[in-house]
Amino acid sequence: MRALTNLDAPSPGRGQSERRFAIAAEAIRLFEERGLDATTVDDIAAAAGISPRTFFRYFATKEAAAFPDHEARIAELRRRLGARRSSPEPIAAACEVSQGLALEYFSAYGLYRPRYHLVKEVPALRDYERLMDREYEVALDEHLAGELTGDAAPIVARLVAAAIVAGVNHTLEVWANQDEVDGAQLLERTFAQLRAAFPDDRSSAPASDGAPAEDLIVVVPASSALRGAIVEALRGARGD
């Protein structure tokens, strides 16, 4: 199925974002049909009805064409996080922002589901996606590190950032592979679990599900750089 064509022609009603997505749709289609290595920038440009020169106005590489929304999504994540600075519940706020952005994946079924399967099958695209995931993590980590308090703030910020990205990826994986799954509902459950696992008030963390607790013994060498951060995190959990 062809997406938009003749994108070189001027069109006042067609925005940059729409053009990027149209080119991406053709790139993903060709990657699926021919494989990444067998698809050239010239092929993608021809399919989208543009010149190779125009292609490079939108994407630096053919791999990047599979991710038309990445730069905009990172910028929007940072913008929304910035608008929630000084929140009394910074972790909950970061979860809310991330959940809202992730919901948008389910509104473009025709792009995101095929892309998800394609990325998992093509190592080069999978590696590219990992680099992008790291950018989401960094944005969340930097924001939370500036919002959380206490000596354990840096490690908690990093843990929460990694958990949010992992939670979104898990939700997308289940949604992409199971037609009957409601992505929005699954995402809501995922973030409910994240908020329960990382409460802003660590002294009010939810109790276990009733199963008897088992002793946990952790040995941390005195020379470990994480020892101080772990001790502070435990003190915070006890409310010391």
Protein backbone atom coordinates (compact mmCIF):
# COMPACT_ATOMS: atom_id res chain seq x y z
CA MET A 1 0.00 0.00 0.00
CA ARG A 2 1.39 3.39 -0.97
CA ALA A 3 1.40 6.21 1.54
CA LEU A 4 1.70 9.85 0.44
CA THR A 5 3.49 10.46 -2.84
CA ASN A 6 5.07 13.40 -4.68
CA LEU A 7 6.33 14.87 -1.44
CA ASP A 8 8.68 17.16 -3.34
CA ALA A 9 5.69 19.15 -4.53
CA PRO A 10 4.74 22.12 -2.33
CA SER A 11 1.61 21.64 -0.26
CA PRO A 12 0.66 24.21 2.37
CA GLY A 13 -1.55 21.75 4.25
CA ARG A 14 1.05 19.03 4.58
CA GLY A 15 3.29 19.42 7.60
CA GLN A 16 6.82 18.24 8.21
CA SER A 17 5.63 15.53 10.57
CA GLU A 18 3.20 14.10 8.02
CA ARG A 19 5.94 14.01 5.40
CA ARG A 20 8.33 12.23 7.73
CA PHE A 21 5.71 9.60 8.55
CA ALA A 22 4.89 9.09 4.88
CA ILE A 23 8.53 8.45 4.03
CA ALA A 24 8.85 6.18 7.06
CA ALA A 25 5.82 4.13 5.99
CA GLU A 26 7.47 3.45 2.63
CA ALA A 27 10.82 2.64 4.25
CA ILE A 28 9.26 0.14 6.65
CA ARG A 29 7.29 -1.47 3.80
CA LEU A 30 10.43 -1.88 1.71
CA PHE A 31 12.46 -3.18 4.66
CA GLU A 32 9.79 -5.83 5.23
CA GLU A 33 9.62 -6.80 1.55
CA ARG A 34 13.30 -6.70 0.59
CA GLY A 35 15.26 -6.57 3.81
CA LEU A 36 17.29 -3.71 5.19
CA ASP A 37 20.51 -4.46 3.32
CA ALA A 38 18.76 -4.81 -0.04
CA THR A 39 16.90 -1.51 0.33
CA THR A 40 18.66 1.70 -0.64
CA VAL A 41 17.88 5.34 0.03
CA ASP A 42 17.13 5.67 -3.69
CA ASP A 43 14.54 2.89 -3.36
CA ILE A 44 12.84 4.59 -0.43
CA ALA A 45 12.87 7.98 -2.15
CA ALA A 46 11.39 6.55 -5.33
CA ALA A 47 8.64 4.76 -3.41
CA ALA A 48 7.78 7.95 -1.53
CA GLY A 49 7.82 10.07 -4.68
CA ILE A 50 10.73 12.24 -3.62
CA SER A 51 14.35 12.71 -4.58
CA PRO A 52 17.23 11.20 -2.54
CA ARG A 53 18.27 14.76 -1.71
CA THR A 54 14.85 15.40 -0.19
CA PHE A 55 15.11 12.15 1.76
CA PHE A 56 18.22 13.44 3.50
CA ARG A 57 16.39 16.59 4.56
CA TYR A 58 14.34 14.35 6.82
CA PHE A 59 16.64 11.47 7.76
CA ALA A 60 20.40 11.08 8.14
CA THR A 61 20.38 7.36 7.28
CA LYS A 62 17.99 4.77 5.91
CA GLU A 63 17.85 3.15 9.38
CA ALA A 64 16.64 6.43 10.86
CA ALA A 65 13.73 6.40 8.42
CA ALA A 66 12.13 3.61 10.45
CA PHE A 67 11.88 6.00 13.41
CA PRO A 68 10.28 9.22 12.12
CA ASP A 69 9.06 10.33 15.51
CA HIS A 70 12.15 9.85 17.63
CA GLU A 71 13.55 13.37 17.82
CA ALA A 72 10.12 14.90 18.30
CA ARG A 73 9.22 12.41 21.03
CA ILE A 74 12.42 13.07 22.98
CA ALA A 75 11.87 16.82 22.71
CA GLU A 76 8.26 16.43 23.82
CA LEU A 77 9.27 14.23 26.75
CA ARG A 78 11.74 16.85 27.95
CA ARG A 79 9.16 19.61 27.48
CA ARG A 80 6.47 17.79 29.47
CA LEU A 81 8.89 16.83 32.22
CA GLY A 82 10.03 20.44 32.42
CA ALA A 83 6.44 21.54 32.91
CA ARG A 84 6.20 19.23 35.94
CA ARG A 85 9.24 20.54 37.80
CA SER A 86 8.89 20.96 41.57
CA SER A 87 6.06 18.44 41.68
CA PRO A 88 5.44 17.14 45.23
CA GLU A 89 5.47 13.63 43.71
CA PRO A 90 8.24 13.68 41.08
CA ILE A 91 8.22 9.93 40.37
CA ALA A 92 4.46 9.85 39.90
CA ALA A 93 4.72 12.91 37.65
CA ALA A 94 7.43 11.28 35.51
CA CYS A 95 5.27 8.15 35.22
CA GLU A 96 2.25 10.21 34.19
CA VAL A 97 4.20 12.07 31.51
CA SER A 98 5.75 8.85 30.16
CA GLN A 99 2.43 7.03 30.12
CA GLY A 100 0.78 9.85 28.22
CA LEU A 101 3.46 9.82 25.56
CA ALA A 102 3.46 6.03 25.27
CA LEU A 103 -0.30 6.03 24.66
CA GLU A 104 0.36 7.65 21.30
CA TYR A 105 1.91 4.42 20.04
CA PHE A 106 -1.51 2.80 19.99
CA SER A 107 -3.05 5.56 17.86
CA ALA A 108 -0.83 4.75 14.86
CA TYR A 109 -1.34 1.00 14.67
CA GLY A 110 -0.32 0.81 11.00
CA LEU A 111 3.14 2.24 11.66
CA TYR A 112 4.16 1.09 15.11
CA ARG A 113 3.11 -2.57 15.07
CA PRO A 114 4.85 -3.43 11.77
CA ARG A 115 7.87 -1.44 12.90
CA TYR A 116 8.05 -3.32 16.18
CA HIS A 117 8.19 -6.68 14.39
CA LEU A 118 10.69 -5.36 11.88
CA VAL A 119 13.01 -3.99 14.56
CA LYS A 120 13.07 -7.29 16.41
CA GLU A 121 14.05 -9.15 13.25
CA VAL A 122 16.78 -6.78 11.99
CA PRO A 123 19.88 -6.49 14.23
CA ALA A 124 20.90 -3.09 12.81
CA LEU A 125 17.51 -1.59 13.59
CA ARG A 126 17.45 -3.28 17.00
CA ASP A 127 20.78 -1.68 17.86
CA TYR A 128 19.52 1.68 16.63
CA GLU A 129 16.45 1.35 18.83
CA ARG A 130 18.61 0.60 21.87
CA LEU A 131 20.48 3.85 21.33
CA MET A 132 17.18 5.68 21.22
CA ASP A 133 15.93 3.96 24.37
CA ARG A 134 19.03 5.28 26.07
CA GLU A 135 18.03 8.83 25.13
CA TYR A 136 14.63 8.36 26.80
CA GLU A 137 16.39 7.00 29.87
CA VAL A 138 18.80 9.93 30.01
CA ALA A 139 15.97 12.47 29.76
CA LEU A 140 14.08 10.81 32.63
CA ASP A 141 17.23 10.27 34.69
CA GLU A 142 18.36 13.88 34.39
CA HIS A 143 14.92 15.18 35.29
CA LEU A 144 14.44 12.93 38.32
CA ALA A 145 17.98 13.49 39.60
CA GLY A 146 17.14 17.17 39.84
CA GLU A 147 13.78 16.58 41.51
CA LEU A 148 14.48 13.86 44.06
CA THR A 149 16.17 14.63 47.35
CA GLY A 150 18.59 12.73 49.58
CA ASP A 151 21.89 11.01 49.01
CA ALA A 152 20.14 8.14 47.21
CA ALA A 153 18.54 10.45 44.63
CA PRO A 154 21.04 9.65 41.82
CA ILE A 155 20.60 5.88 42.01
CA VAL A 156 16.83 6.09 42.51
CA ALA A 157 16.56 8.41 39.49
CA ARG A 158 18.51 5.99 37.35
CA LEU A 159 16.52 2.97 38.53
CA VAL A 160 13.18 4.66 37.90
CA ALA A 161 14.24 5.90 34.46
CA ALA A 162 15.36 2.41 33.43
CA ALA A 163 12.18 0.85 34.83
CA ILE A 164 9.94 3.24 32.90
CA VAL A 165 11.65 2.52 29.59
CA ALA A 166 11.60 -1.22 30.29
CA GLY A 167 7.91 -1.05 31.26
CA VAL A 168 6.93 0.72 28.05
CA ASN A 169 8.97 -1.72 25.96
CA HIS A 170 7.34 -4.69 27.69
CA THR A 171 3.87 -3.27 27.05
CA LEU A 172 4.65 -2.69 23.37
CA GLU A 173 6.02 -6.21 23.01
CA VAL A 174 2.87 -7.80 24.43
CA TRP A 175 0.61 -5.50 22.37
CA ALA A 176 2.52 -6.11 19.14
CA ASN A 177 2.37 -9.88 19.49
CA GLN A 178 -1.15 -10.38 20.83
CA ASP A 179 -4.00 -8.99 18.73
CA GLU A 180 -6.54 -9.26 21.53
CA VAL A 181 -4.54 -7.10 23.97
CA ASP A 182 -5.82 -3.60 24.73
CA GLY A 183 -2.58 -1.62 24.70
CA ALA A 184 -3.94 1.31 26.69
CA GLN A 185 -5.25 -0.90 29.48
CA LEU A 186 -2.04 -2.88 29.65
CA LEU A 187 -0.05 0.36 29.79
CA GLU A 188 -2.20 1.57 32.68
CA ARG A 189 -1.50 -1.63 34.61
CA THR A 190 2.21 -1.38 33.85
CA PHE A 191 2.47 2.14 35.22
CA ALA A 192 0.34 1.29 38.25
CA GLN A 193 2.93 -1.37 39.07
CA LEU A 194 5.77 1.09 38.50
CA ARG A 195 4.22 3.66 40.83
CA ALA A 196 3.71 0.96 43.46
CA ALA A 197 7.30 -0.24 43.11
CA PHE A 198 8.72 3.29 43.32
CA PRO A 199 6.47 5.36 45.60
CA ASP A 200 7.49 8.97 46.10
CA ASP A 201 7.04 8.46 49.83
CA ARG A 202 9.27 5.46 50.34
CA SER A 203 7.99 5.04 53.92
CA SER A 204 4.51 4.27 52.58
CA ALA A 205 5.48 1.57 50.10
CA PRO A 206 2.66 -0.99 49.63
CA ALA A 207 2.75 -4.14 51.70
CA SER A 208 3.27 -7.54 50.12
CA ASP A 209 0.35 -9.59 48.78
CA GLY A 210 0.05 -11.49 52.05
CA ALA A 211 2.65 -14.14 51.38
CA PRO A 212 5.08 -14.55 54.27
CA ALA A 213 8.23 -12.57 53.75
CA GLU A 214 11.51 -14.39 53.43
CA ASP A 215 14.80 -13.17 54.82
CA LEU A 216 17.02 -11.50 52.26
CA ILE A 217 20.73 -11.30 52.88
CA VAL A 218 22.80 -9.07 50.65
CA VAL A 219 26.57 -8.80 50.95
CA VAL A 220 28.00 -5.50 49.70
CA PRO A 221 31.80 -5.17 49.85
CA ALA A 222 33.02 -2.17 51.81
CA SER A 223 34.99 -1.14 48.75
CA SER A 224 31.87 -0.99 46.52
CA ALA A 225 31.06 2.46 45.18
CA LEU A 226 27.34 1.66 45.58
CA ARG A 227 27.54 0.83 49.28
CA GLY A 228 26.78 4.34 50.51
CA ALA A 229 23.87 4.81 48.10
CA ILE A 230 22.34 1.46 49.09
CA VAL A 231 22.61 2.25 52.78
CA GLU A 232 20.93 5.62 52.26
CA ALA A 233 18.15 4.02 50.21
CA LEU A 234 17.50 1.51 52.99
CA ARG A 235 17.43 4.25 55.60
CA GLY A 236 14.94 6.16 53.50
CA ALA A 237 12.74 3.08 53.20
CA ARG A 238 12.73 2.75 57.01
CA GLY A 239 11.96 6.42 57.45
CA ASP A 240 15.18 7.10 59.41
